[in-house]
C-alpha cells in the first residue's frame, strides 16, 4: 500500500488520527465542536 493511500485510509477510518492531523492543521477544535453538535442533534431527535 502506498504511503498516500495508507494516510487517506487512516484519515477515513481512525477518528483519533484524523483529530491529530487536524490539530496540526489548526482545525481540531472546530471538528470536535461539530461532532458535539451532531451528537446533541441525534440525542434531541430521539426524545
N, C-alpha and C. Protein backbone atom coordinates (compact mmCIF):
# COMPACT_ATOMS: atom_id res chain seq x y z
N UNK A 1 0.86 -1.18 0.00
CA UNK A 1 0.00 0.00 0.00
C UNK A 1 0.90 1.24 0.00
N UNK A 2 0.58 2.19 -0.86
CA UNK A 2 1.38 3.41 -0.91
C UNK A 2 1.15 4.25 0.34
N UNK A 3 2.11 5.08 0.64
CA UNK A 3 2.01 5.94 1.81
C UNK A 3 0.78 6.84 1.71
N UNK A 4 0.54 7.39 0.53
CA UNK A 4 -0.62 8.27 0.33
C UNK A 4 -1.92 7.52 0.59
N UNK A 5 -2.05 6.32 0.05
CA UNK A 5 -3.26 5.51 0.24
C UNK A 5 -3.44 5.17 1.72
N UNK A 6 -2.36 4.79 2.39
CA UNK A 6 -2.43 4.44 3.81
C UNK A 6 -2.85 5.66 4.64
N UNK A 7 -2.28 6.82 4.33
CA UNK A 7 -2.62 8.05 5.04
C UNK A 7 -4.10 8.38 4.86
N UNK A 8 -4.59 8.32 3.64
CA UNK A 8 -6.00 8.61 3.37
C UNK A 8 -6.91 7.58 4.04
N UNK A 9 -6.50 6.33 4.06
CA UNK A 9 -7.26 5.29 4.72
C UNK A 9 -7.36 5.56 6.23
N UNK A 10 -6.26 5.96 6.84
CA UNK A 10 -6.26 6.29 8.26
C UNK A 10 -7.15 7.49 8.55
N UNK A 11 -7.10 8.51 7.70
CA UNK A 11 -7.96 9.67 7.89
C UNK A 11 -9.43 9.28 7.87
N UNK A 12 -9.77 8.35 7.01
CA UNK A 12 -11.16 7.92 6.86
C UNK A 12 -11.63 7.06 8.03
N UNK A 13 -10.77 6.19 8.53
CA UNK A 13 -11.21 5.16 9.47
C UNK A 13 -10.84 5.41 10.93
N UNK A 14 -9.91 6.30 11.20
CA UNK A 14 -9.39 6.44 12.56
C UNK A 14 -9.62 7.87 13.06
N UNK A 15 -10.63 8.03 13.91
CA UNK A 15 -11.00 9.37 14.40
C UNK A 15 -9.85 10.03 15.14
N UNK A 16 -9.15 9.30 16.00
CA UNK A 16 -8.04 9.88 16.77
C UNK A 16 -6.94 10.39 15.83
N UNK A 17 -6.61 9.59 14.82
CA UNK A 17 -5.60 10.01 13.85
C UNK A 17 -6.06 11.25 13.10
N UNK A 18 -7.33 11.26 12.71
CA UNK A 18 -7.91 12.40 11.99
C UNK A 18 -7.80 13.67 12.83
N UNK A 19 -8.12 13.57 14.13
CA UNK A 19 -8.03 14.73 15.01
C UNK A 19 -6.59 15.16 15.24
N UNK A 20 -5.67 14.22 15.28
CA UNK A 20 -4.26 14.57 15.42
C UNK A 20 -3.80 15.38 14.21
N UNK A 21 -4.15 14.92 13.03
CA UNK A 21 -3.80 15.65 11.81
C UNK A 21 -4.48 17.02 11.80
N UNK A 22 -5.76 17.05 12.17
CA UNK A 22 -6.50 18.31 12.22
C UNK A 22 -5.83 19.28 13.20
N UNK A 23 -5.34 18.76 14.31
CA UNK A 23 -4.64 19.60 15.28
C UNK A 23 -3.43 20.27 14.68
N UNK A 24 -2.68 19.52 13.89
CA UNK A 24 -1.52 20.10 13.22
C UNK A 24 -1.95 21.17 12.22
N UNK A 25 -3.14 21.00 11.67
CA UNK A 25 -3.65 21.98 10.70
C UNK A 25 -4.39 23.12 11.38
N UNK A 26 -4.62 23.00 12.69
CA UNK A 26 -5.27 24.06 13.44
C UNK A 26 -6.79 24.02 13.41
N UNK A 27 -7.37 22.88 13.07
CA UNK A 27 -8.83 22.81 12.97
C UNK A 27 -9.44 21.76 13.90
N UNK A 28 -8.66 21.22 14.78
CA UNK A 28 -9.16 20.17 15.67
C UNK A 28 -10.36 20.64 16.50
N UNK A 29 -10.28 21.82 17.09
CA UNK A 29 -11.36 22.32 17.94
C UNK A 29 -12.66 22.45 17.15
N UNK A 30 -12.58 22.90 15.93
CA UNK A 30 -13.78 23.03 15.09
C UNK A 30 -14.40 21.66 14.85
N UNK A 31 -13.59 20.67 14.52
CA UNK A 31 -14.11 19.33 14.28
C UNK A 31 -14.75 18.75 15.53
N UNK A 32 -14.12 18.96 16.69
CA UNK A 32 -14.68 18.44 17.94
C UNK A 32 -16.03 19.09 18.24
N UNK A 33 -16.13 20.38 17.99
CA UNK A 33 -17.40 21.07 18.24
C UNK A 33 -18.48 20.59 17.28
N UNK A 34 -18.12 20.36 16.04
CA UNK A 34 -19.09 19.83 15.08
C UNK A 34 -19.57 18.44 15.50
N UNK A 35 -18.66 17.61 15.99
CA UNK A 35 -19.06 16.30 16.50
C UNK A 35 -20.01 16.43 17.68
N UNK A 36 -19.71 17.37 18.59
CA UNK A 36 -20.60 17.60 19.74
C UNK A 36 -21.99 18.02 19.28
N UNK A 37 -22.04 18.91 18.30
CA UNK A 37 -23.33 19.38 17.78
C UNK A 37 -24.09 18.22 17.14
N UNK A 38 -23.42 17.40 16.37
CA UNK A 38 -24.07 16.26 15.72
C UNK A 38 -24.61 15.29 16.77
N UNK A 39 -23.85 15.04 17.82
CA UNK A 39 -24.30 14.14 18.88
C UNK A 39 -25.51 14.70 19.61
N UNK A 40 -25.50 16.00 19.85
CA UNK A 40 -26.63 16.65 20.52
C UNK A 40 -27.87 16.61 19.64
N UNK A 41 -27.72 16.83 18.35
CA UNK A 41 -28.86 16.74 17.44
C UNK A 41 -29.43 15.33 17.42
N UNK A 42 -28.56 14.34 17.41
CA UNK A 42 -29.03 12.95 17.43
C UNK A 42 -29.78 12.65 18.72
N UNK A 43 -29.25 13.15 19.83
CA UNK A 43 -29.92 12.93 21.11
C UNK A 43 -31.29 13.60 21.13
N UNK A 44 -31.36 14.82 20.64
CA UNK A 44 -32.63 15.56 20.64
C UNK A 44 -33.66 14.92 19.71
N UNK A 45 -33.22 14.34 18.62
CA UNK A 45 -34.15 13.73 17.67
C UNK A 45 -34.74 12.42 18.21
N UNK A 46 -34.11 11.86 19.24
CA UNK A 46 -34.61 10.62 19.83
C UNK A 46 -35.46 10.86 21.08
N UNK A 47 -35.70 12.11 21.42
CA UNK A 47 -36.52 12.42 22.61
C UNK A 47 -37.98 12.46 22.25
